[in-house]
Amino acid sequence: MRIALTPGERHELTQIRPLLDDLPVRCLIADRAYDSDGLIAWLERRGVEVVIPPRSTSPQRPISWLLYRLRNVVERAFCRLKQFRRVATRYDKTSSSYSAFVHLAAATLWL
């Protein structure tokens, strides 16, 4: 598991390339918020199957809705992480202490 913190006003899309850069990814399943032409082109150049539904304003492209249904596994993992009150509310003042607790909570769930 990799975690990258972003400021509250920034979109997570800014961190996806550094997170995936050296991972052997074969398929990326994400929601419509990640429908970016630059990201999709970058992933396709790497040979990654992109399972991101297009926004209503974007050109329509075929996706595997069967694979897209697996996205709920990740959504449920985030919901379990947010059961730790400290993760959900982010009371920590520094990003390093918040990140450390998120890693600890993820390890606890994993065990």
Protein backbone atom coordinates (compact mmCIF):
# COMPACT_ATOMS: atom_id res chain seq x y z
CA MET A 1 0.00 0.00 0.00
CA ARG A 2 1.26 3.45 -0.89
CA ILE A 3 -0.07 6.62 0.63
CA ALA A 4 0.56 10.19 -0.49
CA LEU A 5 -0.93 13.15 1.32
CA THR A 6 -2.12 16.19 -0.58
CA PRO A 7 -3.26 19.57 0.73
CA GLY A 8 -7.02 19.74 1.22
CA GLU A 9 -7.58 21.96 -1.81
CA ARG A 10 -5.54 19.79 -4.23
CA HIS A 11 -6.91 16.91 -6.27
CA GLU A 12 -5.41 13.46 -5.79
CA LEU A 13 -4.78 13.32 -9.54
CA THR A 14 -1.58 15.30 -8.96
CA GLN A 15 -0.07 12.37 -7.03
CA ILE A 16 -1.11 9.38 -9.13
CA ARG A 17 1.91 9.36 -11.44
CA PRO A 18 4.52 9.34 -8.65
CA LEU A 19 2.56 6.60 -6.86
CA LEU A 20 2.32 4.37 -9.93
CA ASP A 21 5.64 5.25 -11.56
CA ASP A 22 7.67 2.17 -10.58
CA LEU A 23 4.84 -0.28 -9.88
CA PRO A 24 4.05 -3.09 -12.34
CA VAL A 25 0.42 -2.08 -12.90
CA ARG A 26 -1.70 -3.99 -15.42
CA CYS A 27 -5.07 -2.41 -14.75
CA LEU A 28 -6.20 0.84 -13.12
CA ILE A 29 -9.76 1.05 -11.85
CA ALA A 30 -10.87 4.52 -10.78
CA ASP A 31 -13.97 6.70 -10.69
CA ARG A 32 -14.92 9.53 -13.03
CA ALA A 33 -12.82 12.06 -11.12
CA TYR A 34 -9.73 10.49 -12.70
CA ASP A 35 -11.01 10.88 -16.28
CA SER A 36 -8.09 12.96 -17.52
CA ASP A 37 -6.81 12.77 -21.09
CA GLY A 38 -3.20 13.15 -19.91
CA LEU A 39 -3.49 10.39 -17.30
CA ILE A 40 -5.25 7.99 -19.66
CA ALA A 41 -2.68 8.58 -22.42
CA TRP A 42 0.18 8.06 -19.93
CA LEU A 43 -1.34 4.80 -18.68
CA GLU A 44 -2.03 3.49 -22.18
CA ARG A 45 1.58 4.21 -23.20
CA ARG A 46 2.64 2.03 -20.26
CA GLY A 47 0.32 -0.77 -21.43
CA VAL A 48 -2.10 -0.40 -18.52
CA GLU A 49 -5.75 -1.29 -19.04
CA VAL A 50 -7.75 1.79 -18.05
CA VAL A 51 -11.12 1.20 -16.38
CA ILE A 52 -12.32 4.75 -15.77
CA PRO A 53 -15.84 5.68 -16.86
CA PRO A 54 -15.84 8.81 -19.02
CA ARG A 55 -17.52 11.96 -17.75
CA SER A 56 -20.61 13.07 -19.59
CA THR A 57 -18.62 15.92 -21.21
CA SER A 58 -15.77 13.64 -22.37
CA PRO A 59 -15.70 11.51 -25.51
CA GLN A 60 -17.25 8.15 -24.73
CA ARG A 61 -14.93 5.14 -24.70
CA PRO A 62 -15.66 1.51 -23.91
CA ILE A 63 -14.77 0.20 -20.45
CA SER A 64 -15.22 -3.12 -18.72
CA TRP A 65 -18.09 -2.61 -16.30
CA LEU A 66 -17.36 -6.06 -14.88
CA LEU A 67 -13.89 -4.90 -13.78
CA TYR A 68 -15.28 -1.55 -12.63
CA ARG A 69 -17.43 -3.35 -10.08
CA LEU A 70 -14.22 -4.36 -8.27
CA ARG A 71 -13.66 -0.72 -7.31
CA ASN A 72 -15.95 -1.22 -4.32
CA VAL A 73 -13.20 -3.31 -2.67
CA VAL A 74 -11.04 -0.19 -2.46
CA GLU A 75 -13.98 1.95 -1.37
CA ARG A 76 -14.71 -0.48 1.46
CA ALA A 77 -11.04 -0.38 2.52
CA PHE A 78 -11.23 3.43 2.79
CA CYS A 79 -14.43 3.14 4.82
CA ARG A 80 -12.72 0.74 7.22
CA LEU A 81 -9.77 3.13 7.53
CA LYS A 82 -12.16 5.96 8.35
CA GLN A 83 -13.55 3.94 11.25
CA PHE A 84 -10.40 5.08 13.04
CA ARG A 85 -11.60 8.47 14.25
CA ARG A 86 -8.14 9.98 13.98
CA VAL A 87 -8.01 9.14 10.26
CA ALA A 88 -11.48 10.45 9.50
CA THR A 89 -11.13 13.75 11.34
CA ARG A 90 -7.44 14.49 10.81
CA TYR A 91 -6.74 16.09 14.16
CA ASP A 92 -2.97 15.73 13.71
CA LYS A 93 -1.20 19.01 13.05
CA THR A 94 1.64 17.66 10.91
CA SER A 95 1.43 15.55 7.79
CA SER A 96 4.13 13.19 9.10
CA SER A 97 2.17 12.28 12.25
CA TYR A 98 -1.07 11.89 10.26
CA SER A 99 0.68 9.74 7.65
CA ALA A 100 2.22 7.59 10.38
CA PHE A 101 -1.18 6.96 11.94
CA VAL A 102 -2.75 6.13 8.55
CA HIS A 103 0.02 3.57 7.98
CA LEU A 104 -0.53 2.16 11.48
CA ALA A 105 -4.30 1.91 10.93
CA ALA A 106 -3.78 0.24 7.54
CA ALA A 107 -1.34 -2.26 9.06
CA THR A 108 -3.83 -2.99 11.85
CA LEU A 109 -6.56 -3.69 9.31
CA TRP A 110 -4.22 -5.79 7.21
CA LEU A 111 -3.27 -7.98 10.20
